[in-house]
PDB file of N, CA and C in Angstrom:
ATOM      1  N   MET A   1      15.631 -26.767  16.632  1.00  0.00           N
ATOM      2  CA  MET A   1      15.459 -26.123  17.700  1.00  0.00           C
ATOM      3  C   MET A   1      16.850 -26.231  18.332  1.00  0.00           C
ATOM      4  N   SER A   2      16.967 -25.527  19.663  1.00  0.00           N
ATOM      5  CA  SER A   2      18.062 -25.562  19.882  1.00  0.00           C
ATOM      6  C   SER A   2      17.471 -25.199  21.668  1.00  0.00           C
ATOM      7  N   LEU A   3      18.153 -25.782  22.940  1.00  0.00           N
ATOM      8  CA  LEU A   3      18.111 -25.465  24.297  1.00  0.00           C
ATOM      9  C   LEU A   3      19.374 -25.524  24.960  1.00  0.00           C
ATOM     10  N   PHE A   4      19.276 -24.576  25.400  1.00  0.00           N
ATOM     11  CA  PHE A   4      20.201 -24.271  26.816  1.00  0.00           C
ATOM     12  C   PHE A   4      19.199 -23.861  27.910  1.00  0.00           C
ATOM     13  N   LEU A   5      20.665 -24.853  28.710  1.00  0.00           N
ATOM     14  CA  LEU A   5      20.298 -24.604  30.992  1.00  0.00           C
ATOM     15  C   LEU A   5      20.981 -23.740  30.813  1.00  0.00           C
ATOM     16  N   SER A   6      20.775 -22.287  31.601  1.00  0.00           N
ATOM     17  CA  SER A   6      21.945 -22.213  31.684  1.00  0.00           C
ATOM     18  C   SER A   6      21.185 -20.246  32.956  1.00  0.00           C
ATOM     19  N   ALA A   7      22.314 -20.035  33.323  1.00  0.00           N
ATOM     20  CA  ALA A   7      21.895 -18.752  34.619  1.00  0.00           C
ATOM     21  C   ALA A   7      21.420 -19.713  36.065  1.00  0.00           C
ATOM     22  N   MET A   8      22.198 -20.863  36.400  1.00  0.00           N
ATOM     23  CA  MET A   8      21.588 -21.435  37.192  1.00  0.00           C
ATOM     24  C   MET A   8      21.982 -20.202  38.279  1.00  0.00           C
ATOM     25  N   GLN A   9      21.040 -19.981  38.774  1.00  0.00           N
ATOM     26  CA  GLN A   9      20.879 -19.493  40.130  1.00  0.00           C
ATOM     27  C   GLN A   9      20.058 -19.732  41.687  1.00  0.00           C
ATOM     28  N   LYS A  10      20.761 -19.235  42.445  1.00  0.00           N
ATOM     29  CA  LYS A  10      19.546 -20.005  43.848  1.00  0.00           C
ATOM     30  C   LYS A  10      18.205 -20.202  43.744  1.00  0.00           C
ATOM     31  N   ASN A  11      18.409 -21.122  43.760  1.00  0.00           N
ATOM     32  CA  ASN A  11      17.316 -22.426  43.791  1.00  0.00           C
ATOM     33  C   ASN A  11      16.881 -21.937  42.172  1.00  0.00           C
ATOM     34  N   ALA A  12      17.016 -20.786  40.803  1.00  0.00           N
ATOM     35  CA  ALA A  12      16.295 -21.014  39.876  1.00  0.00           C
ATOM     36  C   ALA A  12      16.937 -21.236  38.390  1.00  0.00           C
ATOM     37  N   ALA A  13      17.016 -21.498  37.212  1.00  0.00           N
ATOM     38  CA  ALA A  13      17.428 -22.338  36.818  1.00  0.00           C
ATOM     39  C   ALA A  13      17.016 -20.913  35.120  1.00  0.00           C
ATOM     40  N   VAL A  14      17.844 -20.931  34.558  1.00  0.00           N
ATOM     41  CA  VAL A  14      16.884 -20.136  33.141  1.00  0.00           C
ATOM     42  C   VAL A  14      17.128 -21.513  31.733  1.00  0.00           C
ATOM     43  N   LEU A  15      15.839 -21.414  31.063  1.00  0.00           N
ATOM     44  CA  LEU A  15      15.621 -21.968  29.955  1.00  0.00           C
ATOM     45  C   LEU A  15      15.789 -21.920  28.969  1.00  0.00           C
ATOM     46  N   THR A  16      16.543 -21.885  27.443  1.00  0.00           N
ATOM     47  CA  THR A  16      16.442 -20.654  26.588  1.00  0.00           C
ATOM     48  C   THR A  16      16.206 -22.044  25.261  1.00  0.00           C
ATOM     49  N   LEU A  17      15.294 -21.347  24.930  1.00  0.00           N
ATOM     50  CA  LEU A  17      15.046 -22.349  23.503  1.00  0.00           C
ATOM     51  C   LEU A  17      14.849 -21.157  22.208  1.00  0.00           C
ATOM     52  N   GLU A  18      15.476 -21.935  21.234  1.00  0.00           N
ATOM     53  CA  GLU A  18      16.392 -21.493  20.670  1.00  0.00           C
ATOM     54  C   GLU A  18      15.910 -21.824  18.808  1.00  0.00           C
ATOM     55  N   ILE A  19      15.358 -21.537  17.695  1.00  0.00           N
ATOM     56  CA  ILE A  19      15.008 -21.768  16.604  1.00  0.00           C
ATOM     57  C   ILE A  19      15.913 -20.770  15.977  1.00  0.00           C
ATOM     58  N   ALA A  20      16.931 -21.868  15.441  1.00  0.00           N
ATOM     59  CA  ALA A  20      18.101 -21.185  14.638  1.00  0.00           C
ATOM     60  C   ALA A  20      18.138 -20.539  13.495  1.00  0.00           C
ATOM     61  N   GLY A  21      18.867 -19.715  12.833  1.00  0.00           N
ATOM     62  CA  GLY A  21      17.980 -18.996  11.557  1.00  0.00           C
ATOM     63  C   GLY A  21      17.223 -18.478  11.493  1.00  0.00           C
ATOM     64  N   LEU A  22      15.890 -17.869  11.917  1.00  0.00           N
ATOM     65  CA  LEU A  22      14.276 -17.229  12.127  1.00  0.00           C
ATOM     66  C   LEU A  22      14.928 -16.155  13.026  1.00  0.00           C
ATOM     67  N   GLY A  23      15.961 -16.532  13.983  1.00  0.00           N
ATOM     68  CA  GLY A  23      15.506 -15.305  15.477  1.00  0.00           C
ATOM     69  C   GLY A  23      14.637 -15.585  16.308  1.00  0.00           C
ATOM     70  N   ILE A  24      13.968 -16.086  16.500  1.00  0.00           N
ATOM     71  CA  ILE A  24      12.853 -17.087  17.459  1.00  0.00           C
ATOM     72  C   ILE A  24      13.529 -17.751  18.534  1.00  0.00           C
ATOM     73  N   ARG A  25      13.472 -16.960  19.651  1.00  0.00           N
ATOM     74  CA  ARG A  25      14.053 -17.715  21.093  1.00  0.00           C
ATOM     75  C   ARG A  25      13.180 -17.350  22.179  1.00  0.00           C
ATOM     76  N   SER A  26      13.223 -17.926  23.064  1.00  0.00           N
ATOM     77  CA  SER A  26      11.777 -17.524  24.118  1.00  0.00           C
ATOM     78  C   SER A  26      13.189 -18.010  25.504  1.00  0.00           C
ATOM     79  N   GLU A  27      13.340 -17.457  26.545  1.00  0.00           N
ATOM     80  CA  GLU A  27      13.853 -17.340  27.954  1.00  0.00           C
ATOM     81  C   GLU A  27      12.842 -17.711  28.980  1.00  0.00           C
ATOM     82  N   ILE A  28      13.083 -18.865  29.863  1.00  0.00           N
ATOM     83  CA  ILE A  28      12.164 -19.353  30.414  1.00  0.00           C
ATOM     84  C   ILE A  28      12.858 -19.353  32.212  1.00  0.00           C
ATOM     85  N   THR A  29      12.159 -18.719  32.366  1.00  0.00           N
ATOM     86  CA  THR A  29      13.343 -18.834  34.457  1.00  0.00           C
ATOM     87  C   THR A  29      12.133 -19.748  35.198  1.00  0.00           C
ATOM     88  N   PHE A  30      13.075 -20.283  36.091  1.00  0.00           N
ATOM     89  CA  PHE A  30      12.354 -21.498  36.642  1.00  0.00           C
ATOM     90  C   PHE A  30      12.603 -21.708  38.225  1.00  0.00           C
ATOM     91  N   GLU A  31      11.814 -21.775  38.974  1.00  0.00           N
ATOM     92  CA  GLU A  31      12.599 -22.540  40.195  1.00  0.00           C
ATOM     93  C   GLU A  31      12.101 -23.632  40.353  1.00  0.00           C
ATOM     94  N   ASP A  32      10.935 -24.284  39.870  1.00  0.00           N
ATOM     95  CA  ASP A  32      10.325 -25.807  39.646  1.00  0.00           C
ATOM     96  C   ASP A  32       9.858 -26.350  38.860  1.00  0.00           C
ATOM     97  N   GLU A  33       9.633 -27.439  39.165  1.00  0.00           N
ATOM     98  CA  GLU A  33       9.187 -28.249  37.437  1.00  0.00           C
ATOM     99  C   GLU A  33       7.510 -27.342  37.237  1.00  0.00           C
ATOM    100  N   ALA A  34       6.760 -27.371  37.882  1.00  0.00           N
ATOM    101  CA  ALA A  34       5.655 -26.421  37.904  1.00  0.00           C
ATOM    102  C   ALA A  34       5.419 -25.035  37.640  1.00  0.00           C
ATOM    103  N   ALA A  35       6.854 -24.258  37.577  1.00  0.00           N
ATOM    104  CA  ALA A  35       6.904 -23.083  36.663  1.00  0.00           C
ATOM    105  C   ALA A  35       7.666 -23.594  35.570  1.00  0.00           C
ATOM    106  N   LEU A  36       8.436 -24.444  35.043  1.00  0.00           N
ATOM    107  CA  LEU A  36       9.423 -24.710  34.013  1.00  0.00           C
ATOM    108  C   LEU A  36       8.158 -25.308  33.091  1.00  0.00           C
ATOM    109  N   LYS A  37       6.962 -25.803  33.435  1.00  0.00           N
ATOM    110  CA  LYS A  37       5.667 -26.780  32.762  1.00  0.00           C
ATOM    111  C   LYS A  37       4.772 -25.122  32.472  1.00  0.00           C
ATOM    112  N   GLU A  38       4.677 -24.185  33.664  1.00  0.00           N
ATOM    113  CA  GLU A  38       4.093 -22.893  32.958  1.00  0.00           C
ATOM    114  C   GLU A  38       4.499 -22.229  31.902  1.00  0.00           C
ATOM    115  N   GLY A  39       5.909 -21.935  31.688  1.00  0.00           N
ATOM    116  CA  GLY A  39       6.405 -21.353  30.814  1.00  0.00           C
ATOM    117  C   GLY A  39       6.801 -21.565  29.880  1.00  0.00           C
ATOM    118  N   LEU A  40       6.651 -22.953  29.866  1.00  0.00           N
ATOM    119  CA  LEU A  40       6.944 -23.836  28.667  1.00  0.00           C
ATOM    120  C   LEU A  40       5.530 -23.797  28.067  1.00  0.00           C
ATOM    121  N   ALA A  41       4.378 -23.747  28.590  1.00  0.00           N
ATOM    122  CA  ALA A  41       3.032 -23.266  28.163  1.00  0.00           C
ATOM    123  C   ALA A  41       2.637 -21.848  27.928  1.00  0.00           C
ATOM    124  N   ALA A  42       3.753 -21.119  28.169  1.00  0.00           N
ATOM    125  CA  ALA A  42       3.161 -20.018  27.902  1.00  0.00           C
ATOM    126  C   ALA A  42       4.049 -19.303  26.863  1.00  0.00           C
ATOM    127  N   ALA A  43       5.396 -19.891  26.296  1.00  0.00           N
ATOM    128  CA  ALA A  43       6.138 -19.819  25.810  1.00  0.00           C
ATOM    129  C   ALA A  43       5.340 -20.645  23.989  1.00  0.00           C
ATOM    130  N   ALA A  44       5.069 -21.842  24.315  1.00  0.00           N
ATOM    131  CA  ALA A  44       5.209 -22.493  22.674  1.00  0.00           C
ATOM    132  C   ALA A  44       4.667 -21.811  21.827  1.00  0.00           C
ATOM    133  N   PRO A  45       2.974 -21.707  22.221  1.00  0.00           N
ATOM    134  CA  PRO A  45       2.280 -20.915  21.421  1.00  0.00           C
ATOM    135  C   PRO A  45       3.057 -19.597  20.556  1.00  0.00           C
ATOM    136  N   LYS A  46       3.583 -18.652  21.535  1.00  0.00           N
ATOM    137  CA  LYS A  46       4.181 -17.338  20.558  1.00  0.00           C
ATOM    138  C   LYS A  46       5.311 -17.767  19.928  1.00  0.00           C
ATOM    139  N   MET A  47       6.027 -19.074  19.896  1.00  0.00           N
ATOM    140  CA  MET A  47       7.017 -19.586  19.260  1.00  0.00           C
ATOM    141  C   MET A  47       5.915 -19.981  18.158  1.00  0.00           C
ATOM    142  N   VAL A  48       5.334 -20.803  18.095  1.00  0.00           N
ATOM    143  CA  VAL A  48       4.955 -21.742  16.834  1.00  0.00           C
ATOM    144  C   VAL A  48       4.128 -20.144  15.988  1.00  0.00           C
ATOM    145  N   ASP A  49       3.659 -19.063  16.706  1.00  0.00           N
ATOM    146  CA  ASP A  49       3.138 -18.446  15.737  1.00  0.00           C
ATOM    147  C   ASP A  49       4.288 -17.214  15.402  1.00  0.00           C
ATOM    148  N   GLN A  50       5.153 -17.780  15.780  1.00  0.00           N
ATOM    149  CA  GLN A  50       6.046 -16.368  14.930  1.00  0.00           C
ATOM    150  C   GLN A  50       6.742 -17.875  13.756  1.00  0.00           C
ATOM    151  N   LEU A  51       7.002 -19.242  14.032  1.00  0.00           N
ATOM    152  CA  LEU A  51       7.565 -19.657  13.109  1.00  0.00           C
ATOM    153  C   LEU A  51       6.509 -19.576  12.200  1.00  0.00           C
ATOM    154  N   ASN A  52       5.104 -19.427  11.516  1.00  0.00           N
ATOM    155  CA  ASN A  52       4.296 -19.718  11.707  1.00  0.00           C
ATOM    156  C   ASN A  52       4.778 -18.525  10.196  1.00  0.00           C
ATOM    157  N   GLU A  53       4.748 -17.295  10.835  1.00  0.00           N
ATOM    158  CA  GLU A  53       4.885 -16.067  10.202  1.00  0.00           C
ATOM    159  C   GLU A  53       6.142 -15.996   8.680  1.00  0.00           C
ATOM    160  N   ALA A  54       7.198 -16.599   9.738  1.00  0.00           N
ATOM    161  CA  ALA A  54       8.254 -16.313   9.535  1.00  0.00           C
ATOM    162  C   ALA A  54       8.342 -18.050   7.845  1.00  0.00           C
ATOM    163  N   VAL A  55       7.552 -18.559   8.026  1.00  0.00           N
ATOM    164  CA  VAL A  55       7.505 -19.333   6.976  1.00  0.00           C
ATOM    165  C   VAL A  55       6.122 -18.642   5.831  1.00  0.00           C
ATOM    166  N   ALA A  56       5.316 -18.263   6.090  1.00  0.00           N
ATOM    167  CA  ALA A  56       4.409 -17.588   5.878  1.00  0.00           C
ATOM    168  C   ALA A  56       5.533 -16.665   5.197  1.00  0.00           C
ATOM    169  N   GLY A  57       6.198 -15.843   5.072  1.00  0.00           N
ATOM    170  CA  GLY A  57       6.795 -15.212   4.464  1.00  0.00           C
ATOM    171  C   GLY A  57       7.895 -15.159   3.491  1.00  0.00           C
ATOM    172  N   ARG A  58       8.290 -17.104   4.163  1.00  0.00           N
ATOM    173  CA  ARG A  58       9.043 -17.485   3.138  1.00  0.00           C
ATOM    174  C   ARG A  58       8.403 -17.949   1.778  1.00  0.00           C
ATOM    175  N   LYS A  59       7.279 -18.013   2.077  1.00  0.00           N
ATOM    176  CA  LYS A  59       6.640 -18.957   1.306  1.00  0.00           C
ATOM    177  C   LYS A  59       5.993 -17.555  -0.025  1.00  0.00           C
ATOM    178  N   ALA A  60       5.996 -16.849   0.566  1.00  0.00           N
ATOM    179  CA  ALA A  60       5.108 -15.348  -0.103  1.00  0.00           C
ATOM    180  C   ALA A  60       7.046 -14.931  -0.726  1.00  0.00           C
ATOM    181  N   ASP A  61       8.036 -14.935  -0.060  1.00  0.00           N
ATOM    182  CA  ASP A  61       9.153 -14.426  -0.966  1.00  0.00           C
ATOM    183  C   ASP A  61       9.111 -15.542  -2.116  1.00  0.00           C
ATOM    184  N   GLN A  62       8.752 -16.631  -1.805  1.00  0.00           N
ATOM    185  CA  GLN A  62       9.453 -17.916  -2.894  1.00  0.00           C
ATOM    186  C   GLN A  62       8.072 -17.557  -4.365  1.00  0.00           C
ATOM    187  N   LEU A  63       6.622 -17.731  -3.731  1.00  0.00           N
ATOM    188  CA  LEU A  63       5.925 -17.425  -4.462  1.00  0.00           C
ATOM    189  C   LEU A  63       6.345 -15.829  -5.752  1.00  0.00           C
ATOM    190  N   ALA A  64       6.673 -14.838  -5.032  1.00  0.00           N
ATOM    191  CA  ALA A  64       6.901 -13.908  -5.407  1.00  0.00           C
ATOM    192  C   ALA A  64       8.581 -14.158  -6.573  1.00  0.00           C
ATOM    193  N   ALA A  65       9.222 -14.708  -6.340  1.00  0.00           N
ATOM    194  CA  ALA A  65      10.636 -14.892  -7.179  1.00  0.00           C
ATOM    195  C   ALA A  65      10.234 -15.873  -8.633  1.00  0.00           C
ATOM    196  N   ILE A  66       9.063 -16.749  -8.095  1.00  0.00           N
ATOM    197  CA  ILE A  66       8.552 -17.790  -9.100  1.00  0.00           C
ATOM    198  C   ILE A  66       7.592 -16.869 -10.121  1.00  0.00           C
ATOM    199  N   ASP A  67       7.027 -15.785  -9.576  1.00  0.00           N
ATOM    200  CA  ASP A  67       5.615 -15.141 -10.155  1.00  0.00           C
ATOM    201  C   ASP A  67       7.191 -13.885 -11.188  1.00  0.00           C
ATOM    202  N   ALA A  68       7.911 -13.497 -10.355  1.00  0.00           N
ATOM    203  CA  ALA A  68       9.471 -12.922 -11.647  1.00  0.00           C
ATOM    204  C   ALA A  68       9.513 -13.596 -12.611  1.00  0.00           C
ATOM    205  N   LYS A  69       9.930 -14.738 -12.589  1.00  0.00           N
ATOM    206  CA  LYS A  69      10.129 -15.600 -13.392  1.00  0.00           C
ATOM    207  C   LYS A  69       9.896 -16.062 -14.503  1.00  0.00           C
ATOM    208  N   ILE A  70       8.152 -16.212 -14.176  1.00  0.00           N
ATOM    209  CA  ILE A  70       7.023 -16.957 -14.941  1.00  0.00           C
ATOM    210  C   ILE A  70       6.948 -15.370 -16.317  1.00  0.00           C
ATOM    211  N   ALA A  71       7.188 -14.175 -15.190  1.00  0.00           N
ATOM    212  CA  ALA A  71       6.499 -13.307 -16.384  1.00  0.00           C
ATOM    213  C   ALA A  71       8.429 -12.861 -17.575  1.00  0.00           C
ATOM    214  N   ALA A  72       9.098 -13.063 -16.576  1.00  0.00           N
ATOM    215  CA  ALA A  72       9.894 -13.004 -17.493  1.00  0.00           C
ATOM    216  C   ALA A  72      10.015 -13.659 -18.792  1.00  0.00           C
ATOM    217  N   LEU A  73       9.887 -15.186 -18.694  1.00  0.00           N
ATOM    218  CA  LEU A  73      10.150 -15.844 -19.790  1.00  0.00           C
ATOM    219  C   LEU A  73       8.922 -15.237 -20.968  1.00  0.00           C
ATOM    220  N   ASN A  74       7.249 -14.802 -19.955  1.00  0.00           N
ATOM    221  CA  ASN A  74       6.002 -14.320 -20.921  1.00  0.00           C
ATOM    222  C   ASN A  74       7.231 -13.502 -21.911  1.00  0.00           C
ATOM    223  N   GLU A  75       7.725 -12.244 -21.382  1.00  0.00           N
ATOM    224  CA  GLU A  75       8.295 -11.512 -22.190  1.00  0.00           C
ATOM    225  C   GLU A  75       9.589 -12.067 -23.220  1.00  0.00           C
ATOM    226  N   GLN A  76      10.316 -13.048 -22.744  1.00  0.00           N
ATOM    227  CA  GLN A  76      11.561 -13.820 -23.626  1.00  0.00           C
ATOM    228  C   GLN A  76      10.046 -14.025 -25.000  1.00  0.00           C
ATOM    229  N   ARG A  77       9.108 -15.123 -25.144  1.00  0.00           N
ATOM    230  CA  ARG A  77       8.599 -15.512 -25.345  1.00  0.00           C
ATOM    231  C   ARG A  77       7.316 -15.258 -26.513  1.00  0.00           C
ATOM    232  N   ALA A  78       7.607 -13.755 -26.206  1.00  0.00           N
ATOM    233  CA  ALA A  78       6.371 -12.766 -26.560  1.00  0.00           C
ATOM    234  C   ALA A  78       7.741 -11.591 -27.288  1.00  0.00           C
ATOM    235  N   SER A  79       8.589 -11.762 -26.663  1.00  0.00           N
ATOM    236  CA  SER A  79       9.749 -11.334 -28.090  1.00  0.00           C
ATOM    237  C   SER A  79      10.363 -12.208 -29.246  1.00  0.00           C
ATOM    238  N   LEU A  80       9.431 -13.520 -29.480  1.00  0.00           N
ATOM    239  CA  LEU A  80      10.672 -14.076 -30.445  1.00  0.00           C
ATOM    240  C   LEU A  80       9.074 -14.712 -31.185  1.00  0.00           C
ATOM    241  N   THR A  81       8.388 -13.966 -30.854  1.00  0.00           N
ATOM    242  CA  THR A  81       7.574 -14.150 -32.191  1.00  0.00           C
ATOM    243  C   THR A  81       6.863 -12.933 -32.875  1.00  0.00           C
TER     244      THR A  81
END
């Protein structure tokens, strides 16, 4: 996970949270600690949901690849008998 603090403006800043390689990104604009905490509390669950979806998608892709390999091996075995 990457954290970037950028766009310092008049009494405000932008915190960018990014999970590299997965396209998960959230920007939080805040003026004080309370606003930062509120922004993090709102962004974190959304990012966790996106991460869970990405992991589930990768697992599904991996399982499909394993199933395809098993099917190919079964075909090879059948052709040998």
